[in-house]
Amino acid sequence: MLKTIISDIINLLTEHGVKEVYSAFDAVDIQRKSKGIFSVAEIRSFSSSVPIYSQNYVYIPFKADISLRITAPESWTMDRLYTYFDELIAPAVKSMSSLNSSINDITIKPDSNIHRLVLTVDFSTAGMIKDERSPV
């Protein structure tokens, strides 16, 4: 279920023109990720409530706190990274049609290990996962 939520977020970001989006589940070393801008999506917290059953499907309501870390190329300024966020990331988060989402926090700071700026966006989302029921 968690991988499905992350995959949906990655697909949505990609559809909005965000390139090089990875899952925190992927185990790709940072040295092997893009030298340009890239993003990593992860779930910080997750809760689900009682499933709702229909004849063919099971609907599972959930709430999740998502963190998206955008790592800029070495040459980027803070202003350029904020502009990238404002033009591509924020509209994608706002357009999550199947989810109720709201941005909670935005931080930017240099990562001294890789000498690059990292903008972190934390947002909450709620929705429903639809799974097909197995025939009994």
N, C-alpha and C. Protein backbone atom coordinates (compact mmCIF):
# COMPACT_ATOMS: atom_id res chain seq x y z
N MET A 1 0.81 -1.18 0.00
CA MET A 1 0.00 0.00 0.00
C MET A 1 0.87 1.26 0.00
N LEU A 2 1.93 1.27 0.82
CA LEU A 2 2.80 2.44 0.89
C LEU A 2 3.50 2.68 -0.44
N LYS A 3 3.96 1.60 -1.07
CA LYS A 3 4.63 1.75 -2.36
C LYS A 3 3.67 2.28 -3.42
N THR A 4 2.40 1.91 -3.33
CA THR A 4 1.39 2.41 -4.27
C THR A 4 1.22 3.92 -4.12
N ILE A 5 1.16 4.39 -2.89
CA ILE A 5 1.00 5.83 -2.65
C ILE A 5 2.21 6.59 -3.19
N ILE A 6 3.41 6.10 -2.89
CA ILE A 6 4.63 6.76 -3.39
C ILE A 6 4.67 6.72 -4.92
N SER A 7 4.33 5.59 -5.52
CA SER A 7 4.31 5.48 -6.99
C SER A 7 3.34 6.47 -7.60
N ASP A 8 2.16 6.62 -6.99
CA ASP A 8 1.18 7.59 -7.49
C ASP A 8 1.72 9.01 -7.42
N ILE A 9 2.40 9.35 -6.33
CA ILE A 9 2.98 10.68 -6.19
C ILE A 9 4.08 10.90 -7.22
N ILE A 10 4.94 9.90 -7.41
CA ILE A 10 6.02 10.01 -8.40
C ILE A 10 5.43 10.19 -9.80
N ASN A 11 4.40 9.42 -10.14
CA ASN A 11 3.77 9.54 -11.46
C ASN A 11 3.15 10.92 -11.65
N LEU A 12 2.51 11.44 -10.62
CA LEU A 12 1.90 12.76 -10.70
C LEU A 12 2.96 13.84 -10.92
N LEU A 13 4.05 13.77 -10.16
CA LEU A 13 5.13 14.74 -10.32
C LEU A 13 5.72 14.66 -11.72
N THR A 14 5.92 13.45 -12.21
CA THR A 14 6.48 13.26 -13.55
C THR A 14 5.55 13.85 -14.61
N GLU A 15 4.25 13.64 -14.45
CA GLU A 15 3.27 14.21 -15.39
C GLU A 15 3.31 15.73 -15.40
N HIS A 16 3.72 16.34 -14.30
CA HIS A 16 3.81 17.81 -14.22
C HIS A 16 5.19 18.34 -14.61
N GLY A 17 6.03 17.48 -15.18
CA GLY A 17 7.32 17.93 -15.69
C GLY A 17 8.49 17.80 -14.74
N VAL A 18 8.26 17.21 -13.58
CA VAL A 18 9.36 17.00 -12.63
C VAL A 18 10.11 15.74 -13.06
N LYS A 19 11.38 15.89 -13.31
CA LYS A 19 12.19 14.76 -13.77
C LYS A 19 13.03 14.22 -12.63
N GLU A 20 13.50 13.01 -12.79
CA GLU A 20 14.38 12.37 -11.80
C GLU A 20 13.75 12.34 -10.41
N VAL A 21 12.60 11.68 -10.31
CA VAL A 21 11.93 11.52 -9.02
C VAL A 21 12.12 10.07 -8.58
N TYR A 22 12.61 9.90 -7.37
CA TYR A 22 12.90 8.58 -6.82
C TYR A 22 12.04 8.32 -5.59
N SER A 23 11.90 7.05 -5.27
CA SER A 23 11.24 6.64 -4.04
C SER A 23 12.29 6.46 -2.96
N ALA A 24 11.94 6.76 -1.74
CA ALA A 24 12.86 6.51 -0.62
C ALA A 24 13.09 5.01 -0.45
N PHE A 25 12.21 4.21 -1.04
CA PHE A 25 12.34 2.76 -0.95
C PHE A 25 13.37 2.20 -1.92
N ASP A 26 13.90 3.01 -2.83
CA ASP A 26 14.68 2.46 -3.93
C ASP A 26 16.12 2.09 -3.62
N ALA A 27 16.75 2.43 -2.65
CA ALA A 27 18.13 2.02 -2.32
C ALA A 27 19.17 2.40 -3.38
N VAL A 28 18.88 3.38 -4.24
CA VAL A 28 19.87 3.88 -5.18
C VAL A 28 20.74 4.88 -4.44
N ASP A 29 22.04 4.66 -4.44
CA ASP A 29 22.97 5.55 -3.75
C ASP A 29 22.92 6.95 -4.35
N ILE A 30 23.07 7.96 -3.52
CA ILE A 30 23.00 9.35 -3.99
C ILE A 30 24.05 9.64 -5.07
N GLN A 31 25.18 8.98 -5.01
CA GLN A 31 26.22 9.19 -6.02
C GLN A 31 25.78 8.70 -7.39
N ARG A 32 24.81 7.79 -7.43
CA ARG A 32 24.33 7.25 -8.69
C ARG A 32 23.10 7.98 -9.20
N LYS A 33 22.55 8.88 -8.39
CA LYS A 33 21.41 9.68 -8.82
C LYS A 33 21.92 10.81 -9.72
N SER A 34 21.03 11.55 -10.28
CA SER A 34 21.36 12.61 -11.23
C SER A 34 22.31 13.65 -10.64
N LYS A 35 23.20 14.16 -11.46
CA LYS A 35 24.06 15.28 -11.07
C LYS A 35 23.28 16.59 -11.15
N GLY A 36 22.14 16.54 -11.87
CA GLY A 36 21.26 17.70 -11.95
C GLY A 36 20.31 17.68 -10.77
N ILE A 37 19.14 18.23 -10.98
CA ILE A 37 18.15 18.25 -9.90
C ILE A 37 17.45 16.90 -9.83
N PHE A 38 17.20 16.45 -8.60
CA PHE A 38 16.41 15.23 -8.41
C PHE A 38 15.63 15.33 -7.12
N SER A 39 14.58 14.51 -7.03
CA SER A 39 13.70 14.53 -5.87
C SER A 39 13.54 13.12 -5.32
N VAL A 40 13.34 13.04 -4.01
CA VAL A 40 13.10 11.76 -3.34
C VAL A 40 11.83 11.90 -2.51
N ALA A 41 10.87 11.01 -2.75
CA ALA A 41 9.59 11.02 -2.03
C ALA A 41 9.58 9.90 -1.00
N GLU A 42 9.11 10.25 0.21
CA GLU A 42 9.00 9.23 1.25
C GLU A 42 7.77 9.48 2.11
N ILE A 43 7.31 8.43 2.76
CA ILE A 43 6.19 8.53 3.68
C ILE A 43 6.75 8.64 5.09
N ARG A 44 6.39 9.71 5.78
CA ARG A 44 6.85 9.93 7.16
C ARG A 44 5.96 9.23 8.17
N SER A 45 4.65 9.27 7.92
CA SER A 45 3.72 8.56 8.79
C SER A 45 2.52 8.13 7.96
N PHE A 46 1.84 7.10 8.45
CA PHE A 46 0.73 6.53 7.71
C PHE A 46 -0.27 5.94 8.70
N SER A 47 -1.54 6.15 8.44
CA SER A 47 -2.58 5.48 9.22
C SER A 47 -3.76 5.18 8.30
N SER A 48 -4.40 4.08 8.58
CA SER A 48 -5.60 3.74 7.82
C SER A 48 -6.71 3.42 8.80
N SER A 49 -7.93 3.51 8.30
CA SER A 49 -9.07 3.21 9.16
C SER A 49 -9.81 1.99 8.63
N VAL A 50 -10.93 1.70 9.19
CA VAL A 50 -11.68 0.49 8.88
C VAL A 50 -12.01 0.44 7.39
N PRO A 51 -11.70 -0.69 6.73
CA PRO A 51 -12.02 -0.83 5.30
C PRO A 51 -13.53 -0.82 5.06
N ILE A 52 -13.89 -0.39 3.89
CA ILE A 52 -15.29 -0.38 3.46
C ILE A 52 -15.40 -1.42 2.34
N TYR A 53 -16.32 -2.35 2.50
CA TYR A 53 -16.44 -3.45 1.54
C TYR A 53 -17.65 -3.25 0.64
N SER A 54 -17.44 -3.48 -0.65
CA SER A 54 -18.54 -3.54 -1.59
C SER A 54 -18.49 -4.94 -2.21
N GLN A 55 -19.37 -5.20 -3.13
CA GLN A 55 -19.41 -6.53 -3.73
C GLN A 55 -18.09 -6.88 -4.43
N ASN A 56 -17.47 -5.93 -5.12
CA ASN A 56 -16.28 -6.22 -5.91
C ASN A 56 -14.99 -5.60 -5.39
N TYR A 57 -15.11 -4.64 -4.46
CA TYR A 57 -13.92 -3.91 -4.05
C TYR A 57 -13.85 -3.74 -2.54
N VAL A 58 -12.63 -3.47 -2.08
CA VAL A 58 -12.40 -3.07 -0.71
C VAL A 58 -11.79 -1.67 -0.79
N TYR A 59 -12.38 -0.72 -0.08
CA TYR A 59 -11.89 0.65 -0.05
C TYR A 59 -11.23 0.88 1.30
N ILE A 60 -10.00 1.36 1.28
CA ILE A 60 -9.26 1.57 2.52
C ILE A 60 -8.94 3.05 2.67
N PRO A 61 -9.63 3.75 3.58
CA PRO A 61 -9.32 5.17 3.83
C PRO A 61 -7.96 5.29 4.53
N PHE A 62 -7.21 6.32 4.18
CA PHE A 62 -5.90 6.49 4.81
C PHE A 62 -5.55 7.96 4.94
N LYS A 63 -4.58 8.21 5.82
CA LYS A 63 -3.94 9.52 5.97
C LYS A 63 -2.44 9.27 5.96
N ALA A 64 -1.69 10.15 5.33
CA ALA A 64 -0.24 9.99 5.28
C ALA A 64 0.43 11.36 5.30
N ASP A 65 1.60 11.40 5.93
CA ASP A 65 2.46 12.57 5.87
C ASP A 65 3.60 12.22 4.93
N ILE A 66 3.74 13.01 3.88
CA ILE A 66 4.72 12.77 2.83
C ILE A 66 5.82 13.82 2.92
N SER A 67 7.05 13.39 2.65
CA SER A 67 8.17 14.31 2.59
C SER A 67 8.79 14.18 1.20
N LEU A 68 9.01 15.30 0.57
CA LEU A 68 9.65 15.34 -0.74
C LEU A 68 10.90 16.19 -0.63
N ARG A 69 12.06 15.57 -0.84
CA ARG A 69 13.34 16.29 -0.78
C ARG A 69 13.82 16.55 -2.20
N ILE A 70 13.98 17.82 -2.54
CA ILE A 70 14.45 18.23 -3.86
C ILE A 70 15.90 18.68 -3.71
N THR A 71 16.80 17.97 -4.36
CA THR A 71 18.23 18.28 -4.29
C THR A 71 18.63 19.00 -5.57
N ALA A 72 19.17 20.19 -5.41
CA ALA A 72 19.55 21.04 -6.54
C ALA A 72 20.96 20.73 -7.01
N PRO A 73 21.27 21.06 -8.26
CA PRO A 73 22.66 20.97 -8.72
C PRO A 73 23.54 21.94 -7.93
N GLU A 74 24.83 21.69 -7.93
CA GLU A 74 25.76 22.53 -7.16
C GLU A 74 25.69 24.01 -7.51
N SER A 75 25.42 24.32 -8.77
CA SER A 75 25.46 25.72 -9.22
C SER A 75 24.19 26.50 -8.91
N TRP A 76 23.13 25.87 -8.40
CA TRP A 76 21.86 26.55 -8.19
C TRP A 76 21.88 27.42 -6.93
N THR A 77 21.17 28.53 -7.03
CA THR A 77 20.99 29.41 -5.87
C THR A 77 19.69 29.04 -5.16
N MET A 78 19.52 29.56 -3.97
CA MET A 78 18.30 29.33 -3.21
C MET A 78 17.08 29.85 -3.98
N ASP A 79 17.23 31.01 -4.60
CA ASP A 79 16.13 31.61 -5.36
C ASP A 79 15.70 30.70 -6.52
N ARG A 80 16.67 30.15 -7.22
CA ARG A 80 16.35 29.27 -8.35
C ARG A 80 15.64 28.00 -7.88
N LEU A 81 16.05 27.46 -6.75
CA LEU A 81 15.42 26.26 -6.21
C LEU A 81 13.98 26.55 -5.77
N TYR A 82 13.74 27.68 -5.13
CA TYR A 82 12.38 28.06 -4.76
C TYR A 82 11.51 28.26 -6.00
N THR A 83 12.07 28.86 -7.05
CA THR A 83 11.32 29.06 -8.29
C THR A 83 10.94 27.72 -8.90
N TYR A 84 11.87 26.76 -8.90
CA TYR A 84 11.59 25.41 -9.41
C TYR A 84 10.43 24.80 -8.61
N PHE A 85 10.49 24.92 -7.29
CA PHE A 85 9.42 24.40 -6.44
C PHE A 85 8.10 25.07 -6.80
N ASP A 86 8.11 26.39 -6.90
CA ASP A 86 6.89 27.15 -7.14
C ASP A 86 6.26 26.83 -8.49
N GLU A 87 7.09 26.59 -9.50
CA GLU A 87 6.58 26.35 -10.85
C GLU A 87 6.18 24.90 -11.12
N LEU A 88 6.86 23.94 -10.50
CA LEU A 88 6.59 22.53 -10.82
C LEU A 88 6.02 21.72 -9.66
N ILE A 89 6.62 21.81 -8.50
CA ILE A 89 6.23 20.94 -7.39
C ILE A 89 4.89 21.37 -6.77
N ALA A 90 4.77 22.64 -6.40
CA ALA A 90 3.55 23.13 -5.73
C ALA A 90 2.29 22.87 -6.57
N PRO A 91 2.29 23.18 -7.88
CA PRO A 91 1.09 22.88 -8.67
C PRO A 91 0.76 21.38 -8.73
N ALA A 92 1.79 20.54 -8.75
CA ALA A 92 1.55 19.09 -8.77
C ALA A 92 0.89 18.64 -7.48
N VAL A 93 1.38 19.12 -6.34
CA VAL A 93 0.80 18.73 -5.05
C VAL A 93 -0.65 19.23 -4.97
N LYS A 94 -0.90 20.44 -5.43
CA LYS A 94 -2.26 21.00 -5.37
C LYS A 94 -3.23 20.26 -6.29
N SER A 95 -2.71 19.62 -7.35
CA SER A 95 -3.58 18.98 -8.33
C SER A 95 -3.88 17.51 -8.04
N MET A 96 -3.48 17.02 -6.91
CA MET A 96 -3.73 15.61 -6.60
C MET A 96 -5.23 15.39 -6.49
N SER A 97 -5.85 15.07 -7.63
CA SER A 97 -7.31 15.01 -7.71
C SER A 97 -7.91 13.91 -6.85
N SER A 98 -7.21 12.80 -6.68
CA SER A 98 -7.79 11.71 -5.90
C SER A 98 -7.47 11.82 -4.41
N LEU A 99 -6.71 12.84 -4.04
CA LEU A 99 -6.29 12.99 -2.65
C LEU A 99 -6.59 14.40 -2.15
N ASN A 100 -6.82 14.52 -0.88
CA ASN A 100 -6.89 15.84 -0.24
C ASN A 100 -5.50 16.11 0.31
N SER A 101 -4.84 17.14 -0.20
CA SER A 101 -3.46 17.40 0.21
C SER A 101 -3.28 18.85 0.64
N SER A 102 -2.37 19.04 1.57
CA SER A 102 -2.02 20.40 1.97
C SER A 102 -0.55 20.42 2.38
N ILE A 103 0.15 21.46 1.94
CA ILE A 103 1.56 21.62 2.27
C ILE A 103 1.66 22.13 3.71
N ASN A 104 2.46 21.44 4.53
CA ASN A 104 2.61 21.80 5.93
C ASN A 104 3.86 22.61 6.21
N ASP A 105 4.95 22.29 5.52
CA ASP A 105 6.24 22.88 5.86
C ASP A 105 7.16 22.85 4.65
N ILE A 106 7.93 23.90 4.50
CA ILE A 106 8.96 23.96 3.45
C ILE A 106 10.24 24.46 4.12
N THR A 107 11.31 23.71 3.95
CA THR A 107 12.61 24.14 4.47
C THR A 107 13.65 24.00 3.38
N ILE A 108 14.67 24.83 3.48
CA ILE A 108 15.78 24.73 2.54
C ILE A 108 17.06 24.89 3.33
N LYS A 109 18.00 24.00 3.05
CA LYS A 109 19.29 24.11 3.72
C LYS A 109 20.34 23.39 2.89
N PRO A 110 21.58 23.78 3.07
CA PRO A 110 22.66 23.11 2.34
C PRO A 110 22.97 21.76 2.98
N ASP A 111 23.25 20.79 2.12
CA ASP A 111 23.73 19.48 2.60
C ASP A 111 25.25 19.51 2.46
N SER A 112 25.93 19.59 3.56
CA SER A 112 27.39 19.75 3.53
C SER A 112 28.10 18.50 3.01
N ASN A 113 27.45 17.35 3.06
CA ASN A 113 28.08 16.12 2.56
C ASN A 113 28.20 16.11 1.05
N ILE A 114 27.22 16.69 0.37
CA ILE A 114 27.24 16.67 -1.09
C ILE A 114 27.39 18.07 -1.69
N HIS A 115 27.47 19.09 -0.84
CA HIS A 115 27.66 20.48 -1.28
C HIS A 115 26.57 20.94 -2.24
N ARG A 116 25.33 20.65 -1.86
CA ARG A 116 24.18 21.05 -2.67
C ARG A 116 23.06 21.50 -1.75
N LEU A 117 22.18 22.37 -2.28
CA LEU A 117 21.00 22.81 -1.53
C LEU A 117 19.92 21.74 -1.62
N VAL A 118 19.20 21.56 -0.52
CA VAL A 118 18.10 20.61 -0.47
C VAL A 118 16.86 21.32 0.07
N LEU A 119 15.80 21.32 -0.73
CA LEU A 119 14.52 21.88 -0.32
C LEU A 119 13.64 20.70 0.08
N THR A 120 13.09 20.76 1.29
CA THR A 120 12.22 19.69 1.78
C THR A 120 10.80 20.23 1.91
N VAL A 121 9.86 19.52 1.31
CA VAL A 121 8.45 19.87 1.37
C VAL A 121 7.74 18.76 2.11
N ASP A 122 7.09 19.11 3.21
CA ASP A 122 6.29 18.14 3.95
C ASP A 122 4.83 18.47 3.72
N PHE A 123 4.07 17.46 3.30
CA PHE A 123 2.64 17.68 3.12
C PHE A 123 1.84 16.49 3.61
N SER A 124 0.62 16.79 4.00
CA SER A 124 -0.31 15.76 4.46
C SER A 124 -1.26 15.44 3.34
N THR A 125 -1.65 14.19 3.29
CA THR A 125 -2.59 13.77 2.27
C THR A 125 -3.54 12.74 2.86
N ALA A 126 -4.72 12.70 2.33
CA ALA A 126 -5.72 11.72 2.76
C ALA A 126 -6.45 11.24 1.51
N GLY A 127 -6.83 10.00 1.51
CA GLY A 127 -7.52 9.45 0.36
C GLY A 127 -8.04 8.06 0.63
N MET A 128 -8.30 7.36 -0.46
CA MET A 128 -8.86 6.03 -0.34
C MET A 128 -8.19 5.14 -1.38
N ILE A 129 -7.73 3.99 -0.96
CA ILE A 129 -7.15 3.01 -1.86
C ILE A 129 -8.23 1.99 -2.19
N LYS A 130 -8.34 1.67 -3.47
CA LYS A 130 -9.36 0.74 -3.94
C LYS A 130 -8.68 -0.55 -4.39
N ASP A 131 -9.01 -1.65 -3.73
CA ASP A 131 -8.47 -2.96 -4.08
C ASP A 131 -9.60 -3.87 -4.52
N GLU A 132 -9.33 -4.66 -5.55
CA GLU A 132 -10.34 -5.60 -6.02
C GLU A 132 -10.42 -6.77 -5.04
N ARG A 133 -11.63 -7.19 -4.74
CA ARG A 133 -11.85 -8.31 -3.84
C ARG A 133 -11.61 -9.62 -4.58
N SER A 134 -11.04 -10.57 -3.88
CA SER A 134 -10.85 -11.89 -4.46
C SER A 134 -12.16 -12.66 -4.39
N PRO A 135 -12.44 -13.42 -5.44
CA PRO A 135 -13.66 -14.23 -5.38
C PRO A 135 -13.53 -15.32 -4.31
N VAL A 136 -14.58 -15.52 -3.57
CA VAL A 136 -14.54 -16.52 -2.49
C VAL A 136 -15.05 -17.84 -2.96
